[in-house]
Amino acid sequence: MRVLQTGYDSPATGECSAMLNNTGKSKLASKRRSENHEVRLLVVILFPCFFLVETCKRLLHVGERRQNSCFEEAKRSTYSVIPYTMMQ
């Protein structure tokens, strides 16, 4: 015997599983957009700070001489810190 699936979770309430799934997907998409916005904001704030620190290190000869540019070092530092700031 085959059961016909209508898309409704229960006939009594009339809730459609397709509608529930779309709502869940839109909430997930909204959360993802929010997190992407937060990451971009962190990059905009942190990158200039790390770039300034790296430039000062180069000018004051602090630490060993690195092969990468100040821009590359600041970018590497920024993207290595962001995962720790996004942990919940």
PDB file of N, CA and C in Angstrom:
ATOM      1  N   MET A   1       0.840  -1.174   0.000  1.00  0.00           N
ATOM      2  CA  MET A   1       0.000   0.000   0.000  1.00  0.00           C
ATOM      3  C   MET A   1       0.890   1.244   0.000  1.00  0.00           C
ATOM      4  N   ARG A   2       0.650   2.158  -0.885  1.00  0.00           N
ATOM      5  CA  ARG A   2       1.429   3.395  -0.978  1.00  0.00           C
ATOM      6  C   ARG A   2       0.693   4.518  -0.258  1.00  0.00           C
ATOM      7  N   VAL A   3       1.480   5.358   0.387  1.00  0.00           N
ATOM      8  CA  VAL A   3       0.895   6.492   1.090  1.00  0.00           C
ATOM      9  C   VAL A   3       1.104   7.727   0.225  1.00  0.00           C
ATOM     10  N   LEU A   4       0.066   8.462   0.012  1.00  0.00           N
ATOM     11  CA  LEU A   4       0.128   9.680  -0.784  1.00  0.00           C
ATOM     12  C   LEU A   4       0.616  10.825   0.104  1.00  0.00           C
ATOM     13  N   GLN A   5       1.685  11.470  -0.300  1.00  0.00           N
ATOM     14  CA  GLN A   5       2.203  12.600   0.470  1.00  0.00           C
ATOM     15  C   GLN A   5       1.662  13.890  -0.126  1.00  0.00           C
ATOM     16  N   THR A   6       1.021  14.674   0.683  1.00  0.00           N
ATOM     17  CA  THR A   6       0.378  15.890   0.203  1.00  0.00           C
ATOM     18  C   THR A   6       1.194  17.142   0.478  1.00  0.00           C
ATOM     19  N   GLY A   7       2.200  17.051   1.325  1.00  0.00           N
ATOM     20  CA  GLY A   7       2.965  18.240   1.676  1.00  0.00           C
ATOM     21  C   GLY A   7       2.514  18.857   2.981  1.00  0.00           C
ATOM     22  N   TYR A   8       1.435  18.340   3.543  1.00  0.00           N
ATOM     23  CA  TYR A   8       0.956  18.840   4.822  1.00  0.00           C
ATOM     24  C   TYR A   8       1.481  17.962   5.945  1.00  0.00           C
ATOM     25  N   ASP A   9       1.875  18.634   7.049  1.00  0.00           N
ATOM     26  CA  ASP A   9       2.366  17.885   8.199  1.00  0.00           C
ATOM     27  C   ASP A   9       1.213  17.210   8.921  1.00  0.00           C
ATOM     28  N   SER A  10       0.150  17.897   9.093  1.00  0.00           N
ATOM     29  CA  SER A  10      -1.018  17.287   9.724  1.00  0.00           C
ATOM     30  C   SER A  10      -2.271  17.908   9.126  1.00  0.00           C
ATOM     31  N   PRO A  11      -3.251  17.103   8.812  1.00  0.00           N
ATOM     32  CA  PRO A  11      -4.472  17.638   8.228  1.00  0.00           C
ATOM     33  C   PRO A  11      -5.228  18.552   9.181  1.00  0.00           C
ATOM     34  N   ALA A  12      -5.061  18.334  10.480  1.00  0.00           N
ATOM     35  CA  ALA A  12      -5.807  19.130  11.456  1.00  0.00           C
ATOM     36  C   ALA A  12      -5.329  20.579  11.493  1.00  0.00           C
ATOM     37  N   THR A  13      -4.018  20.781  11.447  1.00  0.00           N
ATOM     38  CA  THR A  13      -3.493  22.144  11.543  1.00  0.00           C
ATOM     39  C   THR A  13      -3.345  22.792  10.184  1.00  0.00           C
ATOM     40  N   GLY A  14      -3.131  22.000   9.147  1.00  0.00           N
ATOM     41  CA  GLY A  14      -2.996  22.540   7.803  1.00  0.00           C
ATOM     42  C   GLY A  14      -1.656  23.199   7.534  1.00  0.00           C
ATOM     43  N   GLU A  15      -0.672  22.931   8.367  1.00  0.00           N
ATOM     44  CA  GLU A  15       0.647  23.514   8.154  1.00  0.00           C
ATOM     45  C   GLU A  15       1.340  22.800   7.006  1.00  0.00           C
ATOM     46  N   CYS A  16       1.873  23.544   6.134  1.00  0.00           N
ATOM     47  CA  CYS A  16       2.542  22.975   4.975  1.00  0.00           C
ATOM     48  C   CYS A  16       4.034  22.882   5.273  1.00  0.00           C
ATOM     49  N   SER A  17       4.621  21.704   5.062  1.00  0.00           N
ATOM     50  CA  SER A  17       6.039  21.515   5.344  1.00  0.00           C
ATOM     51  C   SER A  17       6.897  22.358   4.408  1.00  0.00           C
ATOM     52  N   ALA A  18       6.413  22.597   3.189  1.00  0.00           N
ATOM     53  CA  ALA A  18       7.174  23.423   2.254  1.00  0.00           C
ATOM     54  C   ALA A  18       7.284  24.852   2.774  1.00  0.00           C
ATOM     55  N   MET A  19       6.218  25.367   3.368  1.00  0.00           N
ATOM     56  CA  MET A  19       6.254  26.712   3.911  1.00  0.00           C
ATOM     57  C   MET A  19       7.192  26.793   5.105  1.00  0.00           C
ATOM     58  N   LEU A  20       7.190  25.786   5.930  1.00  0.00           N
ATOM     59  CA  LEU A  20       8.078  25.770   7.086  1.00  0.00           C
ATOM     60  C   LEU A  20       9.533  25.718   6.643  1.00  0.00           C
ATOM     61  N   ASN A  21       9.830  24.933   5.617  1.00  0.00           N
ATOM     62  CA  ASN A  21      11.202  24.839   5.132  1.00  0.00           C
ATOM     63  C   ASN A  21      11.672  26.154   4.532  1.00  0.00           C
ATOM     64  N   ASN A  22      10.812  26.851   3.793  1.00  0.00           N
ATOM     65  CA  ASN A  22      11.198  28.131   3.215  1.00  0.00           C
ATOM     66  C   ASN A  22      11.468  29.156   4.291  1.00  0.00           C
ATOM     67  N   THR A  23      10.683  29.141   5.353  1.00  0.00           N
ATOM     68  CA  THR A  23      10.911  30.064   6.455  1.00  0.00           C
ATOM     69  C   THR A  23      12.253  29.771   7.119  1.00  0.00           C
ATOM     70  N   GLY A  24      12.561  28.504   7.310  1.00  0.00           N
ATOM     71  CA  GLY A  24      13.840  28.132   7.906  1.00  0.00           C
ATOM     72  C   GLY A  24      15.009  28.525   7.031  1.00  0.00           C
ATOM     73  N   LYS A  25      14.850  28.378   5.717  1.00  0.00           N
ATOM     74  CA  LYS A  25      15.915  28.750   4.792  1.00  0.00           C
ATOM     75  C   LYS A  25      16.119  30.252   4.781  1.00  0.00           C
ATOM     76  N   SER A  26      15.045  31.021   4.859  1.00  0.00           N
ATOM     77  CA  SER A  26      15.190  32.473   4.838  1.00  0.00           C
ATOM     78  C   SER A  26      15.844  32.974   6.126  1.00  0.00           C
ATOM     79  N   LYS A  27      15.544  32.318   7.251  1.00  0.00           N
ATOM     80  CA  LYS A  27      16.206  32.701   8.501  1.00  0.00           C
ATOM     81  C   LYS A  27      17.690  32.395   8.443  1.00  0.00           C
ATOM     82  N   LEU A  28      18.029  31.252   7.847  1.00  0.00           N
ATOM     83  CA  LEU A  28      19.430  30.877   7.703  1.00  0.00           C
ATOM     84  C   LEU A  28      20.150  31.845   6.775  1.00  0.00           C
ATOM     85  N   ALA A  29      19.511  32.211   5.679  1.00  0.00           N
ATOM     86  CA  ALA A  29      20.109  33.154   4.739  1.00  0.00           C
ATOM     87  C   ALA A  29      20.286  34.520   5.391  1.00  0.00           C
ATOM     88  N   SER A  30      19.315  34.930   6.185  1.00  0.00           N
ATOM     89  CA  SER A  30      19.410  36.214   6.880  1.00  0.00           C
ATOM     90  C   SER A  30      20.555  36.198   7.888  1.00  0.00           C
ATOM     91  N   LYS A  31      20.690  35.092   8.605  1.00  0.00           N
ATOM     92  CA  LYS A  31      21.777  34.976   9.578  1.00  0.00           C
ATOM     93  C   LYS A  31      23.130  34.990   8.868  1.00  0.00           C
ATOM     94  N   ARG A  32      23.216  34.309   7.725  1.00  0.00           N
ATOM     95  CA  ARG A  32      24.460  34.266   6.960  1.00  0.00           C
ATOM     96  C   ARG A  32      24.829  35.661   6.449  1.00  0.00           C
ATOM     97  N   ARG A  33      23.825  36.410   5.969  1.00  0.00           N
ATOM     98  CA  ARG A  33      24.092  37.780   5.507  1.00  0.00           C
ATOM     99  C   ARG A  33      24.573  38.645   6.655  1.00  0.00           C
ATOM    100  N   SER A  34      23.977  38.461   7.816  1.00  0.00           N
ATOM    101  CA  SER A  34      24.374  39.228   8.991  1.00  0.00           C
ATOM    102  C   SER A  34      25.817  38.912   9.386  1.00  0.00           C
ATOM    103  N   GLU A  35      26.173  37.629   9.356  1.00  0.00           N
ATOM    104  CA  GLU A  35      27.540  37.239   9.693  1.00  0.00           C
ATOM    105  C   GLU A  35      28.531  37.763   8.659  1.00  0.00           C
ATOM    106  N   ASN A  36      28.168  37.734   7.378  1.00  0.00           N
ATOM    107  CA  ASN A  36      29.044  38.280   6.339  1.00  0.00           C
ATOM    108  C   ASN A  36      29.267  39.766   6.550  1.00  0.00           C
ATOM    109  N   HIS A  37      28.208  40.468   6.944  1.00  0.00           N
ATOM    110  CA  HIS A  37      28.335  41.899   7.219  1.00  0.00           C
ATOM    111  C   HIS A  37      29.273  42.142   8.402  1.00  0.00           C
ATOM    112  N   GLU A  38      29.147  41.328   9.439  1.00  0.00           N
ATOM    113  CA  GLU A  38      30.016  41.468  10.609  1.00  0.00           C
ATOM    114  C   GLU A  38      31.477  41.204  10.252  1.00  0.00           C
ATOM    115  N   VAL A  39      31.731  40.207   9.416  1.00  0.00           N
ATOM    116  CA  VAL A  39      33.109  39.896   9.017  1.00  0.00           C
ATOM    117  C   VAL A  39      33.688  41.050   8.218  1.00  0.00           C
ATOM    118  N   ARG A  40      32.904  41.595   7.293  1.00  0.00           N
ATOM    119  CA  ARG A  40      33.392  42.743   6.505  1.00  0.00           C
ATOM    120  C   ARG A  40      33.704  43.937   7.405  1.00  0.00           C
ATOM    121  N   LEU A  41      32.829  44.169   8.373  1.00  0.00           N
ATOM    122  CA  LEU A  41      33.049  45.273   9.304  1.00  0.00           C
ATOM    123  C   LEU A  41      34.326  45.060  10.114  1.00  0.00           C
ATOM    124  N   LEU A  42      34.553  43.832  10.558  1.00  0.00           N
ATOM    125  CA  LEU A  42      35.782  43.532  11.296  1.00  0.00           C
ATOM    126  C   LEU A  42      37.019  43.734  10.431  1.00  0.00           C
ATOM    127  N   VAL A  43      36.945  43.342   9.172  1.00  0.00           N
ATOM    128  CA  VAL A  43      38.090  43.538   8.279  1.00  0.00           C
ATOM    129  C   VAL A  43      38.371  45.026   8.104  1.00  0.00           C
ATOM    130  N   VAL A  44      37.322  45.808   7.925  1.00  0.00           N
ATOM    131  CA  VAL A  44      37.483  47.249   7.742  1.00  0.00           C
ATOM    132  C   VAL A  44      38.090  47.894   8.988  1.00  0.00           C
ATOM    133  N   ILE A  45      37.759  47.392  10.153  1.00  0.00           N
ATOM    134  CA  ILE A  45      38.283  47.966  11.397  1.00  0.00           C
ATOM    135  C   ILE A  45      39.681  47.441  11.709  1.00  0.00           C
ATOM    136  N   LEU A  46      39.884  46.125  11.583  1.00  0.00           N
ATOM    137  CA  LEU A  46      41.139  45.523  12.017  1.00  0.00           C
ATOM    138  C   LEU A  46      42.297  45.715  11.041  1.00  0.00           C
ATOM    139  N   PHE A  47      42.019  45.689   9.741  1.00  0.00           N
ATOM    140  CA  PHE A  47      43.110  45.760   8.775  1.00  0.00           C
ATOM    141  C   PHE A  47      43.948  47.035   8.926  1.00  0.00           C
ATOM    142  N   PRO A  48      43.336  48.221   9.016  1.00  0.00           N
ATOM    143  CA  PRO A  48      44.173  49.426   9.197  1.00  0.00           C
ATOM    144  C   PRO A  48      44.993  49.393  10.488  1.00  0.00           C
ATOM    145  N   CYS A  49      44.429  48.800  11.538  1.00  0.00           N
ATOM    146  CA  CYS A  49      45.179  48.701  12.803  1.00  0.00           C
ATOM    147  C   CYS A  49      46.410  47.821  12.637  1.00  0.00           C
ATOM    148  N   PHE A  50      46.219  46.646  12.039  1.00  0.00           N
ATOM    149  CA  PHE A  50      47.354  45.746  11.831  1.00  0.00           C
ATOM    150  C   PHE A  50      48.352  46.328  10.833  1.00  0.00           C
ATOM    151  N   PHE A  51      47.863  47.064   9.844  1.00  0.00           N
ATOM    152  CA  PHE A  51      48.758  47.682   8.876  1.00  0.00           C
ATOM    153  C   PHE A  51      49.625  48.739   9.555  1.00  0.00           C
ATOM    154  N   LEU A  52      49.032  49.515  10.430  1.00  0.00           N
ATOM    155  CA  LEU A  52      49.782  50.530  11.176  1.00  0.00           C
ATOM    156  C   LEU A  52      50.829  49.882  12.078  1.00  0.00           C
ATOM    157  N   VAL A  53      50.449  48.818  12.766  1.00  0.00           N
ATOM    158  CA  VAL A  53      51.388  48.107  13.639  1.00  0.00           C
ATOM    159  C   VAL A  53      52.542  47.533  12.820  1.00  0.00           C
ATOM    160  N   GLU A  54      52.234  46.925  11.699  1.00  0.00           N
ATOM    161  CA  GLU A  54      53.266  46.319  10.853  1.00  0.00           C
ATOM    162  C   GLU A  54      54.205  47.385  10.278  1.00  0.00           C
ATOM    163  N   THR A  55      53.644  48.518   9.902  1.00  0.00           N
ATOM    164  CA  THR A  55      54.466  49.610   9.385  1.00  0.00           C
ATOM    165  C   THR A  55      55.394  50.146  10.472  1.00  0.00           C
ATOM    166  N   CYS A  56      54.878  50.293  11.688  1.00  0.00           N
ATOM    167  CA  CYS A  56      55.717  50.758  12.799  1.00  0.00           C
ATOM    168  C   CYS A  56      56.823  49.754  13.112  1.00  0.00           C
ATOM    169  N   LYS A  57      56.506  48.464  13.045  1.00  0.00           N
ATOM    170  CA  LYS A  57      57.531  47.438  13.272  1.00  0.00           C
ATOM    171  C   LYS A  57      58.653  47.554  12.254  1.00  0.00           C
ATOM    172  N   ARG A  58      58.265  47.786  11.008  1.00  0.00           N
ATOM    173  CA  ARG A  58      59.287  47.904   9.953  1.00  0.00           C
ATOM    174  C   ARG A  58      60.147  49.144  10.156  1.00  0.00           C
ATOM    175  N   LEU A  59      59.506  50.249  10.531  1.00  0.00           N
ATOM    176  CA  LEU A  59      60.254  51.490  10.711  1.00  0.00           C
ATOM    177  C   LEU A  59      61.175  51.435  11.926  1.00  0.00           C
ATOM    178  N   LEU A  60      60.742  50.764  12.973  1.00  0.00           N
ATOM    179  CA  LEU A  60      61.531  50.686  14.199  1.00  0.00           C
ATOM    180  C   LEU A  60      62.428  49.447  14.248  1.00  0.00           C
ATOM    181  N   HIS A  61      62.384  48.637  13.202  1.00  0.00           N
ATOM    182  CA  HIS A  61      63.205  47.418  13.103  1.00  0.00           C
ATOM    183  C   HIS A  61      62.978  46.472  14.278  1.00  0.00           C
ATOM    184  N   VAL A  62      61.729  46.297  14.663  1.00  0.00           N
ATOM    185  CA  VAL A  62      61.375  45.378  15.747  1.00  0.00           C
ATOM    186  C   VAL A  62      61.174  43.993  15.150  1.00  0.00           C
ATOM    187  N   GLY A  63      61.815  43.003  15.754  1.00  0.00           N
ATOM    188  CA  GLY A  63      61.663  41.628  15.277  1.00  0.00           C
ATOM    189  C   GLY A  63      62.528  41.357  14.062  1.00  0.00           C
ATOM    190  N   GLU A  64      62.355  40.174  13.525  1.00  0.00           N
ATOM    191  CA  GLU A  64      63.160  39.780  12.372  1.00  0.00           C
ATOM    192  C   GLU A  64      62.606  40.404  11.089  1.00  0.00           C
ATOM    193  N   ARG A  65      63.432  40.453  10.103  1.00  0.00           N
ATOM    194  CA  ARG A  65      63.031  40.982   8.801  1.00  0.00           C
ATOM    195  C   ARG A  65      62.184  39.936   8.084  1.00  0.00           C
ATOM    196  N   ARG A  66      61.007  40.334   7.662  1.00  0.00           N
ATOM    197  CA  ARG A  66      60.102  39.411   6.985  1.00  0.00           C
ATOM    198  C   ARG A  66      60.193  39.607   5.483  1.00  0.00           C
ATOM    199  N   GLN A  67      59.885  38.558   4.758  1.00  0.00           N
ATOM    200  CA  GLN A  67      59.920  38.615   3.304  1.00  0.00           C
ATOM    201  C   GLN A  67      58.650  39.230   2.721  1.00  0.00           C
ATOM    202  N   ASN A  68      57.552  39.134   3.444  1.00  0.00           N
ATOM    203  CA  ASN A  68      56.278  39.650   2.942  1.00  0.00           C
ATOM    204  C   ASN A  68      56.190  41.154   3.122  1.00  0.00           C
ATOM    205  N   SER A  69      55.322  41.774   2.340  1.00  0.00           N
ATOM    206  CA  SER A  69      55.104  43.210   2.455  1.00  0.00           C
ATOM    207  C   SER A  69      54.260  43.520   3.690  1.00  0.00           C
ATOM    208  N   CYS A  70      54.202  44.790   4.046  1.00  0.00           N
ATOM    209  CA  CYS A  70      53.376  45.218   5.182  1.00  0.00           C
ATOM    210  C   CYS A  70      51.910  44.890   4.917  1.00  0.00           C
ATOM    211  N   PHE A  71      51.474  45.085   3.674  1.00  0.00           N
ATOM    212  CA  PHE A  71      50.095  44.787   3.299  1.00  0.00           C
ATOM    213  C   PHE A  71      49.779  43.309   3.507  1.00  0.00           C
ATOM    214  N   GLU A  72      50.658  42.430   3.045  1.00  0.00           N
ATOM    215  CA  GLU A  72      50.435  40.985   3.185  1.00  0.00           C
ATOM    216  C   GLU A  72      50.438  40.546   4.643  1.00  0.00           C
ATOM    217  N   GLU A  73      51.347  41.099   5.433  1.00  0.00           N
ATOM    218  CA  GLU A  73      51.398  40.752   6.856  1.00  0.00           C
ATOM    219  C   GLU A  73      50.147  41.225   7.591  1.00  0.00           C
ATOM    220  N   ALA A  74      49.687  42.440   7.270  1.00  0.00           N
ATOM    221  CA  ALA A  74      48.479  42.964   7.899  1.00  0.00           C
ATOM    222  C   ALA A  74      47.262  42.132   7.503  1.00  0.00           C
ATOM    223  N   LYS A  75      47.194  41.735   6.247  1.00  0.00           N
ATOM    224  CA  LYS A  75      46.086  40.902   5.771  1.00  0.00           C
ATOM    225  C   LYS A  75      46.101  39.544   6.465  1.00  0.00           C
ATOM    226  N   ARG A  76      47.281  38.940   6.591  1.00  0.00           N
ATOM    227  CA  ARG A  76      47.413  37.647   7.257  1.00  0.00           C
ATOM    228  C   ARG A  76      47.000  37.757   8.724  1.00  0.00           C
ATOM    229  N   SER A  77      47.431  38.798   9.396  1.00  0.00           N
ATOM    230  CA  SER A  77      47.076  38.996  10.808  1.00  0.00           C
ATOM    231  C   SER A  77      45.574  39.207  10.976  1.00  0.00           C
ATOM    232  N   THR A  78      44.993  39.995  10.091  1.00  0.00           N
ATOM    233  CA  THR A  78      43.556  40.269  10.168  1.00  0.00           C
ATOM    234  C   THR A  78      42.743  38.996  10.022  1.00  0.00           C
ATOM    235  N   TYR A  79      43.061  38.205   8.987  1.00  0.00           N
ATOM    236  CA  TYR A  79      42.270  36.999   8.751  1.00  0.00           C
ATOM    237  C   TYR A  79      42.590  35.879   9.741  1.00  0.00           C
ATOM    238  N   SER A  80      43.683  35.984  10.472  1.00  0.00           N
ATOM    239  CA  SER A  80      43.950  34.981  11.502  1.00  0.00           C
ATOM    240  C   SER A  80      43.229  35.317  12.811  1.00  0.00           C
ATOM    241  N   VAL A  81      42.864  36.566  13.024  1.00  0.00           N
ATOM    242  CA  VAL A  81      42.186  36.984  14.251  1.00  0.00           C
ATOM    243  C   VAL A  81      40.668  36.861  14.127  1.00  0.00           C
ATOM    244  N   ILE A  82      40.126  37.072  12.941  1.00  0.00           N
ATOM    245  CA  ILE A  82      38.664  37.106  12.758  1.00  0.00           C
ATOM    246  C   ILE A  82      37.969  35.830  13.218  1.00  0.00           C
ATOM    247  N   PRO A  83      38.463  34.626  12.955  1.00  0.00           N
ATOM    248  CA  PRO A  83      37.741  33.440  13.457  1.00  0.00           C
ATOM    249  C   PRO A  83      37.552  33.425  14.967  1.00  0.00           C
ATOM    250  N   TYR A  84      38.528  33.958  15.701  1.00  0.00           N
ATOM    251  CA  TYR A  84      38.407  33.988  17.164  1.00  0.00           C
ATOM    252  C   TYR A  84      37.351  34.997  17.607  1.00  0.00           C
ATOM    253  N   THR A  85      37.181  36.073  16.855  1.00  0.00           N
ATOM    254  CA  THR A  85      36.169  37.054  17.229  1.00  0.00           C
ATOM    255  C   THR A  85      34.764  36.583  16.898  1.00  0.00           C
ATOM    256  N   MET A  86      34.635  35.657  15.934  1.00  0.00           N
ATOM    257  CA  MET A  86      33.322  35.153  15.522  1.00  0.00           C
ATOM    258  C   MET A  86      32.865  33.945  16.326  1.00  0.00           C
ATOM    259  N   MET A  87      33.707  33.418  17.218  1.00  0.00           N
ATOM    260  CA  MET A  87      33.294  32.263  18.034  1.00  0.00           C
ATOM    261  C   MET A  87      32.207  32.690  19.012  1.00  0.00           C
ATOM    262  N   GLN A  88      31.304  31.761  19.237  1.00  0.00           N
ATOM    263  CA  GLN A  88      30.205  32.073  20.159  1.00  0.00           C
ATOM    264  C   GLN A  88      30.233  31.157  21.340  1.00  0.00           C
TER     265      GLN A  88
END
